Amino acid sequence: MKLRKTKDIGVVGEKIASKHLKKEKYKILDKNYTTKTAEIDIIAKKDETVVFVEVKTRKHNPMITGSYSVNDTKQKHIIKAAQHYISANKITADYRFDVIEIEMDENFKKCVAINHIENAFIQNENYSRF
């Protein structure tokens, strides 16, 4: 089956990212957490740290990676959604924001690379690691 819709591609990428996180001993707390302004693809926990994960699934392209689309505006929306989650769930643990890039083959049938960027951006600062 050839994936054509962006949403379908995103769902496949999120499944791959979830498997990757579980393999790396993360516990998945929530998926597709949605507020009025944003969606957090995966919320996970490793040791005592809650991790808010943005997943970007793209066809392999050495010139442009998925993380470049997580611009300042996107980061602010993710941070606001994370603040909502933290408040609603009374989270007191440390937390961070990661991006997982999923690179697929030409037909989006096979994952060719996973790049997990820990601490990809920081709350309340005009800073990004990209």
Protein backbone atom coordinates (compact mmCIF):
# COMPACT_ATOMS: atom_id res chain seq x y z
CA MET A 1 0.00 0.00 0.00
CA LYS A 2 1.43 3.35 -1.00
CA LEU A 3 0.82 6.08 1.54
CA ARG A 4 -0.37 9.29 -0.02
CA LYS A 5 -1.96 11.41 2.67
CA THR A 6 0.16 13.39 5.10
CA LYS A 7 -1.95 12.10 8.00
CA ASP A 8 -1.35 8.46 6.96
CA ILE A 9 2.38 9.11 6.70
CA GLY A 10 2.33 10.75 10.13
CA VAL A 11 0.52 7.79 11.70
CA VAL A 12 3.12 5.37 10.32
CA GLY A 13 5.94 7.58 11.61
CA GLU A 14 4.39 7.80 15.06
CA LYS A 15 4.11 4.01 15.24
CA ILE A 16 7.77 3.65 14.30
CA ALA A 17 8.75 6.33 16.84
CA SER A 18 6.71 4.60 19.58
CA LYS A 19 8.45 1.29 18.90
CA HIS A 20 11.82 3.07 18.98
CA LEU A 21 11.02 4.69 22.33
CA LYS A 22 9.83 1.41 23.87
CA LYS A 23 13.02 -0.29 22.65
CA GLU A 24 14.99 2.47 24.39
CA LYS A 25 13.11 1.79 27.67
CA TYR A 26 10.68 4.72 27.52
CA LYS A 27 7.16 4.24 28.86
CA ILE A 28 4.49 5.72 26.58
CA LEU A 29 2.10 7.85 28.68
CA ASP A 30 -0.07 9.33 25.94
CA LYS A 31 -0.33 9.78 22.18
CA ASN A 32 -1.83 12.57 20.11
CA TYR A 33 -2.54 14.80 23.10
CA THR A 34 -4.54 17.68 21.67
CA THR A 35 -5.32 21.19 22.87
CA LYS A 36 -6.91 24.12 21.02
CA THR A 37 -3.59 25.16 19.51
CA ALA A 38 -1.43 22.07 19.21
CA GLU A 39 -1.01 18.35 19.32
CA ILE A 40 1.80 16.50 21.02
CA ASP A 41 2.51 13.32 19.09
CA ILE A 42 3.89 11.23 21.96
CA ILE A 43 4.28 11.82 25.66
CA ALA A 44 6.68 9.36 27.24
CA LYS A 45 8.67 8.89 30.40
CA LYS A 46 12.19 7.62 30.91
CA ASP A 47 13.52 7.28 34.42
CA GLU A 48 12.05 10.34 36.15
CA THR A 49 11.79 12.61 33.09
CA VAL A 50 8.62 13.24 31.10
CA VAL A 51 9.39 13.64 27.40
CA PHE A 52 7.18 15.51 24.94
CA VAL A 53 7.98 14.15 21.49
CA GLU A 54 7.29 15.72 18.10
CA VAL A 55 7.56 13.15 15.30
CA LYS A 56 8.48 14.25 11.78
CA THR A 57 8.20 11.66 9.03
CA ARG A 58 9.74 12.43 5.67
CA LYS A 59 11.02 10.81 2.55
CA HIS A 60 14.81 10.53 2.81
CA ASN A 61 16.40 13.80 1.73
CA PRO A 62 19.95 14.60 2.85
CA MET A 63 19.34 18.32 2.21
CA ILE A 64 16.30 18.82 4.49
CA THR A 65 15.43 16.92 7.64
CA GLY A 66 12.11 16.84 9.45
CA SER A 67 13.38 18.79 12.43
CA TYR A 68 13.65 21.96 10.34
CA SER A 69 9.86 22.18 10.24
CA VAL A 70 9.76 22.46 14.04
CA ASN A 71 10.20 26.23 13.89
CA ASP A 72 9.75 28.78 16.69
CA THR A 73 5.99 28.95 16.18
CA LYS A 74 5.62 25.17 16.28
CA GLN A 75 7.82 25.02 19.39
CA LYS A 76 5.65 27.61 21.17
CA HIS A 77 2.50 25.62 20.38
CA ILE A 78 4.06 22.38 21.64
CA ILE A 79 5.26 24.12 24.82
CA LYS A 80 1.76 25.50 25.49
CA ALA A 81 0.22 22.05 24.99
CA ALA A 82 2.86 20.57 27.30
CA GLN A 83 2.06 23.18 29.96
CA HIS A 84 -1.59 22.18 29.69
CA TYR A 85 -0.69 18.47 30.07
CA ILE A 86 1.59 19.19 33.03
CA SER A 87 -1.10 21.20 34.78
CA ALA A 88 -3.94 18.77 34.01
CA ASN A 89 -1.92 15.77 35.18
CA LYS A 90 -0.17 17.48 38.12
CA ILE A 91 3.27 16.59 36.78
CA THR A 92 6.10 17.50 39.13
CA ALA A 93 8.86 15.57 37.34
CA ASP A 94 11.50 17.09 35.10
CA TYR A 95 10.53 17.28 31.45
CA ARG A 96 12.06 17.96 28.07
CA PHE A 97 11.15 18.34 24.41
CA ASP A 98 12.48 15.86 21.84
CA VAL A 99 12.06 15.50 18.10
CA ILE A 100 12.20 12.15 16.37
CA GLU A 101 12.89 12.24 12.65
CA ILE A 102 11.68 9.22 10.72
CA GLU A 103 13.16 8.91 7.25
CA MET A 104 11.31 6.65 4.85
CA ASP A 105 12.19 5.19 1.47
CA GLU A 106 10.87 6.67 -1.77
CA ASN A 107 7.48 4.89 -1.52
CA PHE A 108 7.05 5.31 2.25
CA LYS A 109 7.13 1.54 2.67
CA LYS A 110 10.27 1.15 4.77
CA CYS A 111 11.96 3.19 7.47
CA VAL A 112 15.54 3.91 6.42
CA ALA A 113 16.63 5.99 9.44
CA ILE A 114 15.53 7.18 12.87
CA ASN A 115 17.13 10.26 14.41
CA HIS A 116 16.12 10.94 18.02
CA ILE A 117 17.06 14.50 19.02
CA GLU A 118 16.90 14.82 22.79
CA ASN A 119 16.40 18.31 24.25
CA ALA A 120 15.62 19.60 20.77
CA PHE A 121 14.35 22.88 22.18
CA ILE A 122 13.93 24.52 25.54
CA GLN A 123 10.90 26.18 27.08
CA ASN A 124 10.78 29.97 27.47
CA GLU A 125 13.97 30.64 25.63
CA ASN A 126 14.62 31.75 22.11
CA TYR A 127 16.89 28.79 21.54
CA SER A 128 16.79 25.76 19.33
CA ARG A 129 19.37 23.06 18.78
CA PHE A 130 18.60 22.75 15.06
